[in-house]
Amino acid sequence: MDGMMDGMMDGWMDGWMDGWLDGWMDGWMDGWMDGWMDGWMDGWMDGWMDGWMDGWMDGWMDGWMDGSVGGWTDGRSDGW
């Protein structure tokens, strides 16, 4: 009887532990990975978009200001 009970308990414990651990790990890993991926993608996209937009706007504004103001002052001094 002891051997049968031990075998049943061992099998039940093994199955329960495996199932519980697998389920817990799967759920935790899925949730963690999803959260991490979402956060990483959001952060990366935000940072990339901000940096790209800032750089592009700065460069465009600088070039436009230099060109238009430079052209305006050149033309004005030429006219004088």
N, C-alpha and C. Protein backbone atom coordinates (compact mmCIF):
# COMPACT_ATOMS: atom_id res chain seq x y z
N MET A 1 0.83 -1.20 0.00
CA MET A 1 0.00 0.00 0.00
C MET A 1 0.87 1.26 0.00
N ASP A 2 1.92 1.19 0.79
CA ASP A 2 2.82 2.35 0.84
C ASP A 2 3.41 2.64 -0.53
N GLY A 3 3.83 1.58 -1.20
CA GLY A 3 4.44 1.76 -2.52
C GLY A 3 3.45 2.36 -3.50
N MET A 4 2.20 1.91 -3.43
CA MET A 4 1.19 2.44 -4.34
C MET A 4 0.91 3.91 -4.03
N MET A 5 0.79 4.22 -2.75
CA MET A 5 0.52 5.61 -2.35
C MET A 5 1.69 6.51 -2.74
N ASP A 6 2.90 6.01 -2.50
CA ASP A 6 4.08 6.79 -2.89
C ASP A 6 4.07 7.05 -4.39
N GLY A 7 3.80 5.98 -5.14
CA GLY A 7 3.78 6.12 -6.60
C GLY A 7 2.70 7.10 -7.04
N MET A 8 1.52 7.03 -6.43
CA MET A 8 0.44 7.95 -6.79
C MET A 8 0.80 9.38 -6.43
N MET A 9 1.34 9.53 -5.22
CA MET A 9 1.70 10.87 -4.76
C MET A 9 2.82 11.45 -5.63
N ASP A 10 3.80 10.62 -5.92
CA ASP A 10 4.91 11.08 -6.76
C ASP A 10 4.38 11.52 -8.12
N GLY A 11 3.55 10.67 -8.71
CA GLY A 11 3.01 11.00 -10.03
C GLY A 11 2.16 12.25 -9.99
N TRP A 12 1.35 12.36 -8.94
CA TRP A 12 0.46 13.51 -8.82
C TRP A 12 1.28 14.78 -8.58
N MET A 13 2.25 14.67 -7.67
CA MET A 13 3.10 15.83 -7.38
C MET A 13 3.88 16.25 -8.62
N ASP A 14 4.45 15.28 -9.31
CA ASP A 14 5.21 15.59 -10.52
C ASP A 14 4.32 16.28 -11.54
N GLY A 15 3.15 15.69 -11.76
CA GLY A 15 2.23 16.26 -12.75
C GLY A 15 1.77 17.64 -12.34
N TRP A 16 1.47 17.79 -11.06
CA TRP A 16 0.97 19.08 -10.57
C TRP A 16 2.07 20.14 -10.67
N MET A 17 3.26 19.76 -10.22
CA MET A 17 4.37 20.71 -10.27
C MET A 17 4.69 21.09 -11.71
N ASP A 18 4.76 20.08 -12.58
CA ASP A 18 5.06 20.36 -13.98
C ASP A 18 4.01 21.27 -14.59
N GLY A 19 2.75 20.91 -14.36
CA GLY A 19 1.66 21.70 -14.95
C GLY A 19 1.63 23.10 -14.39
N TRP A 20 1.80 23.21 -13.08
CA TRP A 20 1.73 24.52 -12.43
C TRP A 20 2.91 25.38 -12.86
N LEU A 21 4.08 24.77 -12.84
CA LEU A 21 5.27 25.53 -13.23
C LEU A 21 5.22 25.94 -14.69
N ASP A 22 4.84 24.99 -15.54
CA ASP A 22 4.74 25.31 -16.97
C ASP A 22 3.74 26.44 -17.19
N GLY A 23 2.58 26.29 -16.57
CA GLY A 23 1.54 27.32 -16.76
C GLY A 23 1.98 28.66 -16.22
N TRP A 24 2.61 28.63 -15.06
CA TRP A 24 3.03 29.88 -14.43
C TRP A 24 4.15 30.53 -15.25
N MET A 25 5.11 29.70 -15.65
CA MET A 25 6.22 30.23 -16.44
C MET A 25 5.72 30.76 -17.78
N ASP A 26 4.85 29.98 -18.44
CA ASP A 26 4.32 30.43 -19.73
C ASP A 26 3.60 31.75 -19.57
N GLY A 27 2.71 31.81 -18.59
CA GLY A 27 1.93 33.03 -18.39
C GLY A 27 2.82 34.20 -18.02
N TRP A 28 3.76 33.95 -17.14
CA TRP A 28 4.64 35.03 -16.68
C TRP A 28 5.54 35.48 -17.81
N MET A 29 6.12 34.52 -18.51
CA MET A 29 7.02 34.86 -19.61
C MET A 29 6.27 35.59 -20.72
N ASP A 30 5.07 35.09 -21.05
CA ASP A 30 4.27 35.75 -22.08
C ASP A 30 3.98 37.18 -21.68
N GLY A 31 3.51 37.34 -20.45
CA GLY A 31 3.17 38.68 -19.98
C GLY A 31 4.38 39.58 -19.93
N TRP A 32 5.48 39.04 -19.44
CA TRP A 32 6.70 39.82 -19.30
C TRP A 32 7.25 40.17 -20.68
N MET A 33 7.27 39.19 -21.57
CA MET A 33 7.79 39.43 -22.91
C MET A 33 6.91 40.43 -23.66
N ASP A 34 5.60 40.25 -23.54
CA ASP A 34 4.69 41.18 -24.20
C ASP A 34 4.92 42.59 -23.68
N GLY A 35 4.98 42.71 -22.35
CA GLY A 35 5.17 44.03 -21.75
C GLY A 35 6.51 44.62 -22.14
N TRP A 36 7.53 43.79 -22.13
CA TRP A 36 8.88 44.26 -22.46
C TRP A 36 8.94 44.67 -23.92
N MET A 37 8.38 43.83 -24.79
CA MET A 37 8.39 44.15 -26.22
C MET A 37 7.61 45.42 -26.50
N ASP A 38 6.44 45.53 -25.88
CA ASP A 38 5.63 46.74 -26.08
C ASP A 38 6.39 47.96 -25.60
N GLY A 39 6.96 47.86 -24.40
CA GLY A 39 7.69 49.00 -23.83
C GLY A 39 8.91 49.35 -24.67
N TRP A 40 9.62 48.33 -25.11
CA TRP A 40 10.83 48.55 -25.90
C TRP A 40 10.47 49.16 -27.24
N MET A 41 9.44 48.61 -27.88
CA MET A 41 9.03 49.14 -29.18
C MET A 41 8.55 50.58 -29.05
N ASP A 42 7.73 50.83 -28.02
CA ASP A 42 7.24 52.19 -27.81
C ASP A 42 8.39 53.14 -27.57
N GLY A 43 9.29 52.75 -26.66
CA GLY A 43 10.41 53.61 -26.32
C GLY A 43 11.33 53.84 -27.51
N TRP A 44 11.60 52.77 -28.24
CA TRP A 44 12.50 52.86 -29.38
C TRP A 44 11.87 53.71 -30.47
N MET A 45 10.60 53.47 -30.76
CA MET A 45 9.91 54.23 -31.80
C MET A 45 9.81 55.70 -31.41
N ASP A 46 9.46 55.95 -30.15
CA ASP A 46 9.36 57.34 -29.69
C ASP A 46 10.71 58.03 -29.80
N GLY A 47 11.74 57.35 -29.30
CA GLY A 47 13.08 57.94 -29.33
C GLY A 47 13.55 58.17 -30.75
N TRP A 48 13.31 57.20 -31.61
CA TRP A 48 13.75 57.30 -33.00
C TRP A 48 12.99 58.41 -33.70
N MET A 49 11.68 58.44 -33.51
CA MET A 49 10.86 59.47 -34.16
C MET A 49 11.25 60.85 -33.65
N ASP A 50 11.41 60.96 -32.33
CA ASP A 50 11.78 62.26 -31.76
C ASP A 50 13.13 62.71 -32.30
N GLY A 51 14.10 61.80 -32.26
CA GLY A 51 15.44 62.15 -32.72
C GLY A 51 15.45 62.49 -34.20
N TRP A 52 14.75 61.70 -34.99
CA TRP A 52 14.72 61.92 -36.43
C TRP A 52 14.00 63.21 -36.75
N MET A 53 12.87 63.43 -36.11
CA MET A 53 12.10 64.65 -36.36
C MET A 53 12.89 65.88 -35.91
N ASP A 54 13.49 65.78 -34.73
CA ASP A 54 14.29 66.90 -34.23
C ASP A 54 15.43 67.21 -35.18
N GLY A 55 16.16 66.17 -35.56
CA GLY A 55 17.30 66.36 -36.45
C GLY A 55 16.87 66.92 -37.80
N TRP A 56 15.79 66.38 -38.33
CA TRP A 56 15.30 66.81 -39.64
C TRP A 56 14.80 68.24 -39.57
N MET A 57 14.03 68.54 -38.54
CA MET A 57 13.50 69.90 -38.39
C MET A 57 14.63 70.90 -38.16
N ASP A 58 15.57 70.53 -37.32
CA ASP A 58 16.71 71.42 -37.05
C ASP A 58 17.48 71.68 -38.34
N GLY A 59 17.78 70.61 -39.05
CA GLY A 59 18.55 70.76 -40.29
C GLY A 59 17.79 71.57 -41.32
N TRP A 60 16.51 71.31 -41.44
CA TRP A 60 15.69 72.00 -42.42
C TRP A 60 15.57 73.48 -42.05
N MET A 61 15.32 73.73 -40.77
CA MET A 61 15.18 75.12 -40.31
C MET A 61 16.50 75.87 -40.48
N ASP A 62 17.59 75.22 -40.10
CA ASP A 62 18.90 75.86 -40.24
C ASP A 62 19.18 76.18 -41.71
N GLY A 63 18.95 75.20 -42.56
CA GLY A 63 19.21 75.40 -43.99
C GLY A 63 18.31 76.47 -44.57
N TRP A 64 17.07 76.44 -44.19
CA TRP A 64 16.10 77.40 -44.72
C TRP A 64 16.42 78.80 -44.22
N MET A 65 16.71 78.89 -42.91
CA MET A 65 17.03 80.20 -42.34
C MET A 65 18.32 80.75 -42.96
N ASP A 66 19.32 79.91 -43.05
CA ASP A 66 20.59 80.34 -43.64
C ASP A 66 20.37 80.80 -45.07
N GLY A 67 19.65 79.99 -45.82
CA GLY A 67 19.44 80.31 -47.23
C GLY A 67 18.60 81.56 -47.41
N SER A 68 17.49 81.66 -46.67
CA SER A 68 16.61 82.80 -46.91
C SER A 68 17.19 84.08 -46.31
N VAL A 69 17.71 83.99 -45.11
CA VAL A 69 18.28 85.19 -44.50
C VAL A 69 19.55 85.58 -45.23
N GLY A 70 20.36 84.58 -45.57
CA GLY A 70 21.58 84.87 -46.34
C GLY A 70 21.25 85.51 -47.67
N GLY A 71 20.25 84.96 -48.34
CA GLY A 71 19.84 85.52 -49.63
C GLY A 71 19.27 86.92 -49.48
N TRP A 72 18.51 87.12 -48.43
CA TRP A 72 17.87 88.43 -48.21
C TRP A 72 18.93 89.48 -47.89
N THR A 73 19.87 89.14 -47.01
CA THR A 73 20.91 90.13 -46.66
C THR A 73 21.84 90.37 -47.85
N ASP A 74 22.15 89.32 -48.59
CA ASP A 74 22.99 89.49 -49.78
C ASP A 74 22.30 90.42 -50.78
N GLY A 75 21.03 90.13 -51.02
CA GLY A 75 20.29 90.95 -51.99
C GLY A 75 20.17 92.38 -51.53
N ARG A 76 19.97 92.55 -50.25
CA ARG A 76 19.82 93.89 -49.72
C ARG A 76 21.13 94.67 -49.83
N SER A 77 22.21 94.00 -49.47
CA SER A 77 23.50 94.71 -49.54
C SER A 77 23.88 94.97 -51.00
N ASP A 78 23.50 94.04 -51.87
CA ASP A 78 23.78 94.27 -53.29
C ASP A 78 22.98 95.47 -53.79
N GLY A 79 21.73 95.56 -53.33
CA GLY A 79 20.87 96.65 -53.78
C GLY A 79 21.36 97.98 -53.27
N TRP A 80 22.00 97.96 -52.10
CA TRP A 80 22.53 99.22 -51.58
C TRP A 80 23.81 99.51 -52.30
